[in-house]
Protein backbone atom coordinates (compact mmCIF):
# COMPACT_ATOMS: atom_id res chain seq x y z
CA MET A 1 168.68 69.61 100.26
CA PRO A 2 165.95 68.29 98.10
CA HIS A 3 166.88 66.76 94.78
CA ASN A 4 165.81 68.42 91.61
CA LYS A 5 164.68 66.36 88.75
CA GLY A 6 165.12 69.24 86.39
CA LEU A 7 162.81 71.91 85.06
CA SER A 8 160.10 70.90 82.71
CA PHE A 9 158.01 73.35 80.73
CA TYR A 10 155.72 70.70 79.57
CA LYS A 11 152.82 69.98 81.64
CA ARG A 12 151.73 66.47 82.28
CA ARG A 13 148.73 65.43 79.98
CA LYS A 14 145.78 64.33 82.06
CA LYS A 15 144.22 61.15 80.93
CA ILE A 16 140.73 60.95 80.27
CA SER A 17 139.25 58.08 82.22
CA PRO A 18 137.47 55.32 80.09
CA LEU A 19 134.62 55.36 82.48
CA ALA A 20 134.07 59.13 82.18
CA VAL A 21 133.86 58.66 78.31
CA ARG A 22 131.49 55.82 78.72
CA GLU A 23 129.22 57.82 81.14
CA PHE A 24 129.37 60.85 78.48
CA PHE A 25 128.06 58.60 75.61
CA VAL A 26 125.43 57.00 77.74
CA VAL A 27 123.95 60.47 78.79
CA ILE A 28 124.07 61.52 75.01
CA PHE A 29 122.53 58.25 73.99
CA GLY A 30 119.83 58.60 76.55
CA MET A 31 119.03 62.22 75.42
CA VAL A 32 118.85 61.21 71.80
CA ALA A 33 116.59 58.28 72.72
CA ALA A 34 114.24 60.53 74.80
CA VAL A 35 113.72 63.00 71.89
CA PHE A 36 113.36 60.04 69.32
CA ILE A 37 110.63 58.37 71.65
CA ALA A 38 108.79 61.96 72.00
CA VAL A 39 108.74 62.31 68.33
CA VAL A 40 107.45 58.67 67.84
CA LEU A 41 104.81 59.04 70.37
CA THR A 42 103.65 62.46 68.89
CA PHE A 43 103.52 61.04 65.51
CA PHE A 44 101.61 57.91 66.44
CA PHE A 45 99.49 59.15 69.29
CA GLY A 46 99.27 62.96 68.79
CA THR A 47 98.62 65.49 65.96
CA TYR A 48 99.61 69.12 65.34
CA THR A 49 97.99 72.20 64.16
CA ASN A 50 99.07 75.49 63.14
CA MET A 51 97.93 78.63 65.35
CA VAL A 52 95.71 80.85 63.42
CA GLY A 53 95.35 84.35 64.36
CA ALA A 54 96.47 86.34 67.45
CA SER A 55 93.62 84.94 69.87
CA MET A 56 96.15 83.10 72.21
CA GLU A 57 98.89 85.99 72.24
CA PRO A 58 101.28 86.51 74.28
CA ASP A 59 101.68 82.93 74.69
CA LEU A 60 100.92 81.51 71.19
CA TYR A 61 101.42 83.49 67.96
CA ASN A 62 99.99 83.10 64.62
CA GLY A 63 101.81 80.41 62.51
CA GLN A 64 103.31 78.50 65.52
CA ARG A 65 103.05 74.79 65.11
CA VAL A 66 100.94 73.33 68.14
CA TYR A 67 101.43 69.73 69.01
CA VAL A 68 98.40 67.98 70.52
CA ASN A 69 98.02 65.11 72.90
CA ARG A 70 95.05 63.13 71.40
CA PHE A 71 95.11 60.76 74.36
CA SER A 72 95.13 63.16 77.19
CA TYR A 73 91.47 63.11 78.00
CA THR A 74 90.79 59.27 77.37
CA LEU A 75 91.44 58.79 81.22
CA SER A 76 90.45 62.16 82.42
CA THR A 77 88.62 65.32 81.40
CA PRO A 78 89.73 68.87 80.66
CA LYS A 79 90.67 71.11 83.57
CA VAL A 80 90.01 74.73 83.96
CA GLY A 81 93.34 76.39 82.70
CA ASP A 82 93.94 73.53 80.34
CA VAL A 83 94.65 74.84 76.61
CA VAL A 84 92.77 72.53 74.50
CA VAL A 85 92.32 71.94 70.60
CA PHE A 86 88.88 71.55 69.41
CA LEU A 87 86.49 71.62 66.22
CA PRO A 88 83.56 74.03 67.23
CA ASN A 89 80.27 72.15 67.07
CA GLY A 90 82.25 69.06 65.68
CA ASN A 91 82.47 70.92 62.21
CA THR A 92 85.29 69.09 60.26
CA ASN A 93 85.31 71.91 57.60
CA THR A 94 86.90 74.41 59.69
CA HIS A 95 90.41 74.71 61.17
CA TYR A 96 91.20 73.56 64.72
CA TYR A 97 90.67 75.99 67.49
CA VAL A 98 93.25 76.50 70.08
CA LYS A 99 91.79 78.00 73.33
CA ARG A 100 92.01 77.88 77.10
CA VAL A 101 89.37 76.31 79.25
CA VAL A 102 88.05 78.82 81.79
CA ALA A 103 85.09 77.02 83.06
CA GLY A 104 83.74 73.40 83.10
CA PRO A 105 80.62 71.25 83.57
CA GLY A 106 78.11 72.90 86.21
CA ASP A 107 79.99 76.31 86.34
CA THR A 108 78.19 79.33 85.83
CA VAL A 109 79.75 81.98 83.53
CA LEU A 110 79.09 85.50 83.34
CA ILE A 111 80.98 88.63 81.67
CA GLN A 112 80.27 91.78 83.28
CA ASN A 113 81.79 95.09 82.91
CA GLY A 114 84.88 93.57 81.04
CA VAL A 115 85.44 91.06 83.77
CA LEU A 116 84.89 87.13 83.48
CA TYR A 117 82.94 85.57 86.67
CA VAL A 118 83.01 81.89 87.00
CA ASN A 119 80.56 80.79 89.84
CA GLY A 120 80.35 84.33 90.80
CA LEU A 121 84.15 84.74 91.39
CA GLU A 122 86.53 86.63 89.14
CA SER A 123 88.30 84.25 86.97
CA PRO A 124 92.15 84.38 86.97
CA TRP A 125 92.26 83.17 83.49
CA ALA A 126 91.00 86.30 81.79
CA LYS A 127 94.02 88.69 82.12
CA MET A 128 92.57 91.37 79.75
CA LYS A 129 89.33 93.35 79.86
CA ILE A 130 86.66 91.63 77.79
CA LEU A 131 85.00 94.30 75.39
CA ASP A 132 82.39 91.74 73.88
CA PRO A 133 80.89 89.52 76.36
CA GLY A 134 78.88 87.67 73.61
CA ILE A 135 76.49 85.01 74.84
CA ALA A 136 78.00 85.28 78.39
CA GLY A 137 76.64 88.74 78.93
CA THR A 138 73.86 86.87 80.63
CA GLU A 139 74.64 84.34 83.19
CA LEU A 140 75.12 80.83 81.46
CA THR A 141 75.31 77.49 83.17
CA LEU A 142 77.26 74.67 81.49
CA GLU A 143 75.68 71.34 81.25
CA LEU A 144 77.63 67.93 81.78
CA GLY A 145 80.26 67.65 79.23
CA GLN A 146 80.39 71.29 78.14
CA TYR A 147 83.33 73.51 78.56
CA PHE A 148 83.63 77.46 78.09
CA CYS A 149 86.80 78.14 76.24
CA MET A 150 88.26 81.36 75.66
CA GLY A 151 91.42 82.98 73.80
CA ASP A 152 94.00 84.64 76.12
CA ASN A 153 93.59 87.73 74.04
CA PRO A 154 89.74 88.17 74.01
CA GLY A 155 89.85 91.27 71.75
CA SER A 156 91.12 88.85 68.85
CA SER A 157 89.41 85.63 69.67
CA GLU A 158 86.43 83.85 68.44
CA ASP A 159 85.54 81.36 71.20
CA SER A 160 82.60 80.18 73.52
CA ARG A 161 81.34 83.80 73.75
CA SER A 162 80.40 83.63 70.01
CA ALA A 163 76.73 82.41 69.33
CA ASN A 164 78.05 80.29 66.41
CA ILE A 165 80.41 78.38 68.76
CA GLY A 166 78.97 78.56 72.18
CA PRO A 167 80.11 76.00 75.03
CA ILE A 168 82.39 73.27 73.65
CA ARG A 169 81.22 69.96 73.92
CA GLU A 170 83.73 67.30 75.28
CA GLN A 171 83.36 64.99 72.19
CA ASP A 172 84.41 67.96 69.95
CA ILE A 173 87.73 68.41 71.97
CA ILE A 174 90.72 66.71 69.98
CA GLY A 175 93.09 67.00 72.79
CA GLU A 176 95.31 69.12 75.02
CA ALA A 177 97.81 71.35 73.54
CA TRP A 178 101.25 70.82 75.10
CA LEU A 179 104.24 72.22 72.89
CA HIS A 180 104.61 74.83 70.36
CA LEU A 181 107.32 75.58 67.74
CA GLY A 182 108.40 78.20 65.44
CA GLY A 183 106.02 80.71 63.72
CA ASP A 184 106.25 84.53 63.27
CA GLN A 185 107.87 85.03 66.71
CA GLY A 186 110.01 81.94 66.65
CA GLY A 187 110.82 79.94 69.73
CA ALA A 188 109.56 76.68 71.23
CA GLY A 189 108.33 75.46 74.52
CA LEU A 190 105.58 73.75 76.56
CA ILE A 191 102.11 75.20 76.72
CA HIS A 192 100.80 76.28 80.12
């Protein structure tokens, strides 16, 4: 017959391993350090602007803070699909513009029947019908160092279609937009 040591209504307490506690704090410290480094890098190597208007909806909303990587194009050039921040024609007396690159140097651009064509093919970057083709109503060929940039919401966007803006020169691009925070719609996230 087995020997009973008696009934106990108290569960044994599990001891927390000192190694597990140490690993927990190492992970927390790593996360805090990563956030700190990101903030410092943004402060010293980046800048930010506030989104003005509805031109990039539904991805970016009026009032959202947009962080800009100023050094993203020092070793490379903007690519089609990038969201860039620029001063139109280098005009420092205006706000930063935030738009998507839809065509690059050497590309031809044409907006016909509400559709954006780049090099004769329908562009995947214009998701809405474009009512005002602007200067792209006739085929336009971009020169070396020029980019055609448009808002994701073309009905509310002043962009490269406008004669007073036109193609964006590479030297007028401040950097690549990479993160958005807050604003009228709230939320935060990476910019795609």
